[in-house]
């Protein structure tokens, strides 16, 4: 039993060492059964070592049946080895041992093999999980611009990347670890309420993406993703949070947006902004609403007589007059060449 199981699960070197030691021991015992004992040990070890090839000739069955078949084959050969004992003693030995060897010992082989098989599978799965965890942690630690962490329903850290740890250390002087409560470190009340509301929303199964100005740092913007973590039963067990500083991108986008709604010559709003604003203001809550149309008389003559630079200067002068004449909450737009 032990020799065959060793061959299956522990490979060539351990099996050869074990077989050599037991064969030498059996030889030192001597007796009429020495050849039978040596052959039994050798054949059992060989069957175990080559079982991975032998099993290709056995129909695909579960581990219990597979190792029962292996145990039966090993002990059939063991019984055959008894014929090396001088006759008629060999017949007597076979008669006395055939039932346990062909019934009990295959079952013992099966149970021992299944135990080791399951243990190896468990260790293999643990190794795979550990390897995946290491790979995942390395991946999320690779970024130096995005905070990545996850928390459970009690706001306790499940995992976190190195950049988040660094940020928490830099801003709050805390060395955060798995198991600690994330919200305990958020001291600003407004920020605390915002983050908690977003987390609670994700815990209710609602993913959220938002770009927000950081409450404690003016003109700093972060993009945050709050994503529910679900188990196999689709029950939300936590939240994954991604937070990235997008100040530069946000500033650029706002600049592009600003330029897309501005007339570059006068710095007033342009026709696009005017048309969209007219739709937005077309609601009862904004009434009464006044719209003033104006244009410049003689702009074409100015351009023809003194050049376009002079015409542009006239447009800027008129625009400055409008800016001085209207309040900040009122909208001035250049909607055509000389039309306001």
Protein backbone atom coordinates (compact mmCIF):
# COMPACT_ATOMS: atom_id res chain seq x y z
CA UNK A 1 0.00 0.00 0.00
CA UNK A 2 2.64 2.52 1.06
CA UNK A 3 4.96 1.84 -1.86
CA UNK A 4 2.25 2.28 -4.49
CA UNK A 5 0.87 5.43 -2.85
CA UNK A 6 4.36 6.90 -2.53
CA UNK A 7 4.95 6.26 -6.23
CA UNK A 8 1.74 8.01 -7.25
CA UNK A 9 2.06 11.13 -5.11
CA UNK A 10 5.69 11.73 -4.20
CA UNK A 11 7.62 11.00 -7.35
CA UNK A 12 10.68 9.09 -8.43
CA UNK A 13 13.35 9.95 -5.84
CA UNK A 14 11.28 9.42 -2.64
CA UNK A 15 9.84 6.20 -4.07
CA UNK A 16 13.24 4.77 -5.04
CA UNK A 17 14.69 5.68 -1.62
CA UNK A 18 11.75 4.13 0.24
CA UNK A 19 11.72 1.02 -1.97
CA UNK A 20 15.48 0.52 -1.63
CA UNK A 21 15.36 0.78 2.16
CA UNK A 22 12.43 -1.62 2.52
CA UNK A 23 13.89 -4.12 0.00
CA UNK A 24 17.23 -4.13 1.86
CA UNK A 25 15.37 -4.64 5.14
CA UNK A 26 13.33 -7.48 3.62
CA UNK A 27 16.49 -9.19 2.33
CA UNK A 28 18.07 -9.01 5.78
CA UNK A 29 15.04 -10.83 7.19
CA UNK A 30 15.65 -13.71 4.77
CA UNK A 31 13.37 -16.76 4.73
CA UNK A 32 11.51 -18.53 1.96
CA UNK A 33 9.44 -15.44 1.22
CA UNK A 34 12.38 -13.16 0.46
CA UNK A 35 11.84 -13.22 -3.32
CA UNK A 36 8.13 -12.69 -2.92
CA UNK A 37 8.72 -9.75 -0.56
CA UNK A 38 11.29 -8.07 -2.82
CA UNK A 39 9.10 -8.50 -5.92
CA UNK A 40 6.06 -7.17 -4.06
CA UNK A 41 7.90 -4.02 -3.01
CA UNK A 42 9.45 -3.49 -6.44
CA UNK A 43 6.26 -4.05 -8.45
CA UNK A 44 4.13 -1.94 -6.09
CA UNK A 45 6.59 0.92 -6.41
CA UNK A 46 6.71 0.64 -10.20
CA UNK A 47 2.93 0.56 -10.54
CA UNK A 48 2.72 3.67 -8.36
CA UNK A 49 5.43 5.49 -10.35
CA UNK A 50 3.84 4.67 -13.71
CA UNK A 51 0.22 4.95 -12.61
CA UNK A 52 -0.16 8.31 -14.36
CA UNK A 53 0.51 6.46 -17.64
CA UNK A 54 -1.41 3.33 -16.71
CA UNK A 55 -4.53 5.36 -15.90
CA UNK A 56 -4.76 6.33 -19.60
CA UNK A 57 -5.88 2.76 -20.24
CA UNK A 58 -8.52 2.95 -17.50
CA UNK A 59 -11.90 4.59 -18.25
CA UNK A 60 -12.33 8.09 -16.84
CA UNK A 61 -13.73 7.64 -13.33
CA UNK A 62 -13.73 9.53 -10.07
CA UNK A 63 -10.75 9.44 -7.67
CA UNK A 64 -12.38 6.90 -5.34
CA UNK A 65 -12.88 4.35 -8.12
CA UNK A 66 -9.55 5.15 -9.75
CA UNK A 67 -7.51 4.50 -6.60
CA UNK A 68 -9.61 1.43 -5.78
CA UNK A 69 -8.71 0.03 -9.21
CA UNK A 70 -5.05 0.90 -8.61
CA UNK A 71 -5.10 -0.83 -5.21
CA UNK A 72 -6.71 -3.91 -6.73
CA UNK A 73 -4.12 -4.11 -9.54
CA UNK A 74 -1.24 -3.68 -7.07
CA UNK A 75 -2.53 -6.49 -4.87
CA UNK A 76 -3.31 -8.83 -7.77
CA UNK A 77 0.39 -8.61 -8.63
CA UNK A 78 1.23 -9.04 -4.94
CA UNK A 79 -0.74 -12.30 -4.82
CA UNK A 80 0.98 -13.45 -8.03
CA UNK A 81 4.34 -12.77 -6.37
CA UNK A 82 3.45 -15.38 -3.73
CA UNK A 83 3.97 -18.07 -6.37
CA UNK A 84 7.72 -17.50 -5.97
CA UNK A 85 7.37 -19.17 -2.55
CA UNK A 86 8.17 -22.91 -2.80
CA UNK A 87 5.18 -25.18 -3.44
CA UNK A 88 2.96 -26.13 -1.58
CA UNK A 89 3.62 -23.36 0.95
CA UNK A 90 2.81 -20.75 -1.71
CA UNK A 91 -0.72 -22.18 -2.10
CA UNK A 92 -1.25 -22.09 1.66
CA UNK A 93 -0.10 -18.43 1.83
CA UNK A 94 -2.39 -17.45 -1.05
CA UNK A 95 -5.37 -19.22 0.49
CA UNK A 96 -4.81 -17.45 3.81
CA UNK A 97 -4.24 -13.96 2.35
CA UNK A 98 -6.22 -13.65 -0.88
CA UNK A 99 -9.35 -12.17 0.73
CA UNK A 100 -7.65 -9.34 2.65
CA UNK A 101 -5.25 -8.69 -0.22
CA UNK A 102 -7.93 -8.42 -2.89
CA UNK A 103 -10.71 -6.90 -0.78
CA UNK A 104 -9.40 -5.06 2.27
CA UNK A 105 -6.05 -3.74 1.05
CA UNK A 106 -7.42 -2.14 -2.18
CA UNK A 107 -9.95 -0.28 0.00
CA UNK A 108 -7.16 0.84 2.33
CA UNK A 109 -5.17 1.99 -0.72
CA UNK A 110 -8.20 3.90 -2.00
CA UNK A 111 -8.85 5.77 1.26
CA UNK A 112 -5.19 6.64 1.80
CA UNK A 113 -4.83 7.84 -1.78
CA UNK A 114 -8.00 9.91 -1.65
CA UNK A 115 -6.87 11.57 1.58
CA UNK A 116 -3.53 12.53 0.05
CA UNK A 117 -5.20 13.48 -3.24
CA UNK A 118 -7.61 15.86 -1.49
CA UNK A 119 -4.82 17.31 0.61
CA UNK A 120 -2.73 17.98 -2.48
CA UNK A 121 -5.69 19.56 -4.24
CA UNK A 122 -6.32 21.80 -1.23
CA UNK A 123 -2.66 22.84 -1.08
CA UNK A 124 -2.64 23.40 -4.84
CA UNK A 125 -5.73 25.61 -4.65
CA UNK A 126 -4.19 27.54 -1.76
CA UNK A 127 -1.03 28.03 -3.81
CA UNK A 128 -3.07 29.20 -6.81
CA UNK A 129 -5.08 31.60 -4.65
CA UNK A 130 -1.92 32.95 -3.05
CA UNK A 131 -0.31 33.38 -6.45
CA UNK A 132 -3.38 35.23 -7.75
CA UNK A 133 -3.48 37.40 -4.65
CA UNK A 134 0.20 38.23 -5.09
CA UNK A 135 -0.35 39.02 -8.77
CA UNK A 136 -3.42 41.14 -8.01
CA UNK A 137 -1.65 43.02 -5.22
CA UNK A 138 1.36 43.63 -7.47
CA UNK A 139 -0.97 44.93 -10.17
CA UNK A 140 -2.82 47.38 -7.95
CA UNK A 141 0.42 48.46 -6.30
CA UNK A 142 1.95 49.22 -9.69
CA UNK A 143 -0.05 52.41 -10.11
CA UNK A 144 1.27 55.57 -8.50
CA UNK A 145 -1.63 57.80 -9.50
CA UNK A 146 -4.74 55.89 -8.39
CA UNK A 147 -5.87 54.85 -4.94
CA UNK A 148 -7.44 51.38 -5.00
CA UNK A 149 -9.01 49.79 -1.96
CA UNK A 150 -12.03 47.76 -0.90
CA UNK A 151 -14.08 47.74 2.29
CA UNK A 152 -16.72 45.46 3.77
CA UNK A 153 -20.20 46.37 4.99
CA UNK A 154 -18.69 47.64 8.24
CA UNK A 155 -16.36 50.01 6.34
CA UNK A 156 -13.32 47.87 7.26
CA UNK A 157 -10.48 47.51 4.79
CA UNK A 158 -10.50 44.25 2.83
CA UNK A 159 -7.56 45.23 0.64
CA UNK A 160 -5.65 48.36 -0.34
CA UNK A 161 -2.81 49.36 -2.61
CA UNK A 162 0.47 50.98 -1.67
CA UNK A 163 -0.50 54.35 -3.18
CA UNK A 164 -3.60 54.58 -0.97
CA UNK A 165 -1.46 53.76 2.07
CA UNK A 166 0.96 56.51 1.05
CA UNK A 167 -1.83 59.05 0.56
CA UNK A 168 -3.37 58.25 3.94
CA UNK A 169 0.04 58.60 5.53
CA UNK A 170 0.78 61.90 3.78
CA UNK A 171 -2.60 63.54 4.46
CA UNK A 172 -3.66 62.00 7.77
CA UNK A 173 -0.39 60.60 9.16
CA UNK A 174 -1.94 57.14 9.61
CA UNK A 175 -0.53 53.78 8.59
CA UNK A 176 -3.74 52.12 7.44
CA UNK A 177 -4.01 48.32 7.33
CA UNK A 178 -6.49 45.61 6.41
CA UNK A 179 -9.15 45.29 9.10
CA UNK A 180 -9.14 48.94 10.16
CA UNK A 181 -12.20 51.16 9.62
CA UNK A 182 -11.65 53.52 6.67
CA UNK A 183 -14.16 56.19 7.73
CA UNK A 184 -12.46 56.59 11.12
CA UNK A 185 -9.71 58.54 9.38
CA UNK A 186 -11.93 61.02 7.49
CA UNK A 187 -12.01 64.02 9.83
CA UNK A 188 -13.64 66.61 7.56
CA UNK A 189 -17.39 66.42 8.18
CA UNK A 190 -18.44 67.40 4.66
CA UNK A 191 -16.05 64.88 3.10
CA UNK A 192 -17.11 62.21 5.60
CA UNK A 193 -20.81 62.65 4.75
CA UNK A 194 -20.15 62.62 1.00
CA UNK A 195 -17.97 59.50 1.05
CA UNK A 196 -20.28 57.64 3.42
CA UNK A 197 -23.29 58.42 1.24
CA UNK A 198 -21.50 57.12 -1.87
CA UNK A 199 -20.34 53.97 -0.06
CA UNK A 200 -23.82 53.31 1.32
CA UNK A 201 -25.23 53.73 -2.17
CA UNK A 202 -22.79 51.11 -3.50
CA UNK A 203 -23.69 48.81 -0.58
CA UNK A 204 -27.28 49.12 -1.78
CA UNK A 205 -26.09 47.87 -5.17
CA UNK A 206 -25.78 51.22 -6.95
CA UNK A 207 -22.39 51.81 -8.64
CA UNK A 208 -21.33 55.46 -8.81
CA UNK A 209 -18.79 57.48 -10.77
CA UNK A 210 -18.18 61.09 -9.80
CA UNK A 211 -15.71 63.93 -10.26
CA UNK A 212 -15.58 66.14 -7.20
CA UNK A 213 -13.50 68.99 -5.86
CA UNK A 214 -11.74 67.78 -2.73
CA UNK A 215 -13.24 69.47 0.30
CA UNK A 216 -9.94 69.96 2.10
CA UNK A 217 -7.87 71.02 -0.94
CA UNK A 218 -9.14 73.87 -3.12
CA UNK A 219 -8.91 73.39 -6.90
CA UNK A 220 -8.00 69.72 -6.51
CA UNK A 221 -10.34 67.33 -8.32
CA UNK A 222 -10.59 63.56 -7.99
CA UNK A 223 -12.51 61.02 -10.04
CA UNK A 224 -14.00 58.31 -7.84
CA UNK A 225 -15.62 54.97 -8.68
CA UNK A 226 -17.69 53.11 -6.09
CA UNK A 227 -18.51 49.55 -7.23
CA UNK A 228 -20.45 46.90 -5.24
CA UNK A 229 -18.68 43.60 -4.47
CA UNK A 230 -21.10 40.68 -4.78
CA UNK A 231 -20.81 37.07 -3.65
CA UNK A 232 -22.03 34.01 -5.56
CA UNK A 233 -25.60 34.70 -4.38
CA UNK A 234 -25.41 38.28 -5.75
CA UNK A 235 -25.46 39.65 -2.22
CA UNK A 236 -23.43 42.84 -1.78
CA UNK A 237 -20.63 42.15 0.71
CA UNK A 238 -18.48 45.22 0.20
CA UNK A 239 -17.38 48.08 -2.06
CA UNK A 240 -14.35 48.61 -4.28
CA UNK A 241 -13.19 52.23 -4.48
CA UNK A 242 -10.97 53.77 -7.16
CA UNK A 243 -9.85 57.35 -6.62
CA UNK A 244 -7.62 59.26 -9.06
CA UNK A 245 -6.36 62.84 -9.03
CA UNK A 246 -7.72 64.36 -12.26
CA UNK A 247 -6.97 68.01 -11.49
CA UNK A 248 -4.87 68.54 -14.62
CA UNK A 249 -7.39 66.78 -16.85
CA UNK A 250 -10.33 68.59 -15.27
CA UNK A 251 -8.61 71.97 -15.65
CA UNK A 252 -7.86 71.22 -19.30
CA UNK A 253 -11.44 70.08 -19.95
CA UNK A 254 -12.81 73.20 -18.28
CA UNK A 255 -10.46 75.33 -20.39
CA UNK A 256 -11.64 73.61 -23.55
CA UNK A 257 -15.25 73.98 -22.43
CA UNK A 258 -14.66 77.66 -21.61
CA UNK A 259 -13.14 78.29 -25.04
CA UNK A 260 -15.93 76.42 -26.81
CA UNK A 261 -18.48 78.84 -25.34
CA UNK A 262 -16.46 82.04 -25.73
CA UNK A 263 -15.89 84.47 -28.56
CA UNK A 264 -12.08 84.75 -28.74
CA UNK A 265 -12.15 88.39 -29.92
CA UNK A 266 -14.39 89.96 -27.29
CA UNK A 267 -14.28 87.24 -24.61
CA UNK A 268 -18.08 87.35 -24.52
CA UNK A 269 -20.20 84.23 -24.83
CA UNK A 270 -20.66 82.95 -28.38
CA UNK A 271 -23.71 81.93 -30.42
CA UNK A 272 -23.50 78.28 -29.24
CA UNK A 273 -23.71 79.31 -25.59
CA UNK A 274 -26.53 81.77 -26.34
CA UNK A 275 -28.66 79.09 -28.04
CA UNK A 276 -28.15 76.55 -25.25
CA UNK A 277 -28.74 79.18 -22.54
CA UNK A 278 -31.96 80.28 -24.24
CA UNK A 279 -33.28 76.71 -24.00
CA UNK A 280 -32.20 76.42 -20.36
CA UNK A 281 -33.87 79.69 -19.37
CA UNK A 282 -37.13 78.84 -21.12
CA UNK A 283 -38.84 77.87 -17.85
CA UNK A 284 -41.45 79.66 -15.74
CA UNK A 285 -39.11 79.94 -12.76
CA UNK A 286 -36.88 82.31 -14.79
CA UNK A 287 -39.70 84.58 -15.97
CA UNK A 288 -39.95 87.48 -16.60
CA UNK A 289 -37.08 87.25 -19.08
CA UNK A 290 -35.68 90.13 -21.13
CA UNK A 291 -33.69 89.66 -24.33
CA UNK A 292 -31.95 92.70 -25.85
CA UNK A 293 -30.66 92.57 -29.43
CA UNK A 294 -28.07 95.09 -30.59
CA UNK A 295 -25.72 95.56 -33.50
CA UNK A 296 -22.99 98.02 -34.45
CA UNK A 297 -23.79 100.55 -37.14
CA UNK A 298 -21.06 101.11 -39.67
CA UNK A 299 -18.75 98.19 -38.84
CA UNK A 300 -18.29 97.34 -42.52
CA UNK A 301 -17.37 100.99 -43.28
CA UNK A 302 -14.90 100.92 -40.37
CA UNK A 303 -13.30 97.74 -41.75
CA UNK A 304 -13.15 99.09 -45.31
CA UNK A 305 -11.82 102.52 -44.33
CA UNK A 306 -9.40 101.74 -41.52
CA UNK A 307 -8.82 97.96 -41.77
CA UNK A 308 -10.01 94.96 -39.81
CA UNK A 309 -7.75 95.74 -36.86
CA UNK A 310 -9.69 98.93 -36.30
CA UNK A 311 -12.96 97.03 -36.71
CA UNK A 312 -11.82 94.49 -34.14
CA UNK A 313 -10.92 97.30 -31.75
CA UNK A 314 -14.43 98.73 -32.18
CA UNK A 315 -15.95 95.32 -31.38
CA UNK A 316 -13.83 95.05 -28.21
CA UNK A 317 -14.77 98.60 -27.16
CA UNK A 318 -18.49 97.86 -27.54
CA UNK A 319 -18.07 94.54 -25.68
CA UNK A 320 -16.34 96.34 -22.78
CA UNK A 321 -19.24 98.80 -22.68
CA UNK A 322 -21.73 95.95 -22.42
CA UNK A 323 -19.72 94.29 -19.67
CA UNK A 324 -19.71 97.51 -17.64
CA UNK A 325 -23.39 98.11 -18.25
CA UNK A 326 -24.75 94.70 -17.21
CA UNK A 327 -24.63 92.75 -13.95
CA UNK A 328 -22.52 89.64 -13.45
CA UNK A 329 -25.54 87.33 -13.46
CA UNK A 330 -26.68 88.64 -16.83
CA UNK A 331 -25.53 87.03 -20.06
CA UNK A 332 -23.88 88.90 -22.96
CA UNK A 333 -23.18 87.02 -26.18
CA UNK A 334 -21.79 87.96 -29.58
CA UNK A 335 -23.99 85.94 -31.94
CA UNK A 336 -22.79 87.33 -35.27
CA UNK A 337 -20.21 89.65 -36.83
CA UNK A 338 -21.61 92.83 -35.31
CA UNK A 339 -24.65 91.35 -33.52
CA UNK A 340 -24.98 91.06 -29.71
